[in-house]
Protein backbone atom coordinates (compact mmCIF):
# COMPACT_ATOMS: atom_id res chain seq x y z
CA MET A 1 49.26 -23.47 -16.23
CA ASP A 2 52.13 -21.08 -15.65
CA GLU A 3 52.66 -21.80 -11.96
CA LEU A 4 50.85 -22.47 -8.70
CA SER A 5 51.66 -20.81 -5.36
CA LEU A 6 50.86 -21.83 -1.79
CA GLN A 7 51.51 -19.27 0.99
CA TRP A 8 51.36 -19.67 4.76
CA THR A 9 52.45 -17.96 7.96
CA PRO A 10 54.06 -20.31 10.49
CA ALA A 11 53.39 -19.87 14.22
CA HIS A 12 56.99 -18.71 14.64
CA GLY A 13 58.88 -17.09 11.79
CA SER A 14 58.38 -15.25 8.54
CA MET A 15 55.70 -15.89 5.92
CA ARG A 16 56.66 -18.61 3.44
CA LYS A 17 55.45 -19.86 0.07
CA PHE A 18 55.97 -22.74 -2.33
CA VAL A 19 55.83 -22.04 -6.04
CA PHE A 20 55.25 -25.04 -8.30
CA LYS A 21 56.61 -23.98 -11.66
CA PRO A 22 56.63 -25.96 -14.91
CA GLN A 23 60.06 -26.36 -16.50
CA SER A 24 60.12 -26.14 -20.29
CA GLU A 25 63.65 -27.50 -20.48
CA GLY A 26 65.61 -29.97 -18.42
CA GLU A 27 65.25 -33.45 -17.01
CA TYR A 28 62.27 -32.74 -14.72
CA PRO A 29 58.93 -31.19 -15.75
CA TRP A 30 58.36 -29.27 -12.47
CA ALA A 31 60.27 -27.30 -9.85
CA ARG A 32 59.09 -26.61 -6.30
CA ILE A 33 60.70 -23.36 -5.20
CA GLU A 34 60.50 -22.26 -1.56
CA PHE A 35 60.55 -18.59 -0.61
CA GLU A 36 60.66 -16.73 2.70
CA LEU A 37 59.42 -13.16 3.17
CA CYS A 38 62.39 -11.10 4.34
CA GLU A 39 62.13 -7.32 4.73
CA SER A 40 59.07 -7.14 2.43
CA LYS A 41 60.78 -9.15 -0.35
CA TRP A 42 60.47 -12.82 -1.24
CA GLN A 43 63.86 -14.54 -0.93
CA GLU A 44 64.44 -17.98 -2.47
CA VAL A 45 65.57 -20.45 0.21
CA GLY A 46 65.32 -23.78 -1.61
CA ILE A 47 64.42 -25.62 -4.79
CA GLU A 48 63.50 -29.22 -5.57
CA TYR A 49 62.86 -30.70 -9.02
CA LEU A 50 59.79 -32.94 -9.39
CA ASP A 51 58.59 -35.67 -11.74
CA GLU A 52 54.93 -34.77 -11.24
CA VAL A 53 52.62 -32.54 -9.19
CA SER A 54 49.32 -33.72 -7.74
CA PHE A 55 46.91 -32.15 -5.26
CA VAL A 56 45.16 -34.26 -2.64
CA SER A 57 42.07 -33.14 -0.73
CA ASP A 58 40.98 -35.02 2.39
CA ASP A 59 37.19 -34.84 2.17
CA SER A 60 35.82 -36.14 5.49
CA GLU A 61 32.77 -37.58 3.69
CA ALA A 62 34.88 -39.63 1.28
CA SER A 63 36.56 -42.87 2.29
CA VAL A 64 39.48 -42.21 -0.07
CA PRO A 65 41.14 -38.80 -0.48
CA SER A 66 40.35 -37.19 -3.81
CA ARG A 67 43.32 -36.47 -6.02
CA PHE A 68 43.97 -33.99 -8.81
CA GLN A 69 46.96 -34.72 -10.99
CA THR A 70 48.24 -32.29 -13.53
CA ASP A 71 48.32 -33.33 -17.16
CA PHE A 72 50.88 -30.67 -17.97
CA GLU A 73 54.44 -31.54 -18.90
CA GLY A 74 55.86 -28.10 -18.24
CA GLY A 75 56.21 -25.15 -20.58
CA ASP A 76 53.37 -23.73 -22.63
CA VAL A 77 50.06 -25.56 -22.83
CA ASP A 78 48.14 -25.77 -26.09
CA GLU A 79 44.60 -24.49 -25.76
């Protein structure tokens, strides 16, 4: 997985996105980079380094939210 992006448009303000990007070097395996759309260009407005990335889906039929956790440690993935 190279990276994962999540985009949204807030009720007030410019479009934003989070990019979850694996880090091949460094102390943390992932970075969450926040961007804001400014004059038709994405501008980086923040970054946070993460130990892990997981995705949680709240399925109304399930009593416990389902969870997807990455098995990647950043960098290239062997196929």
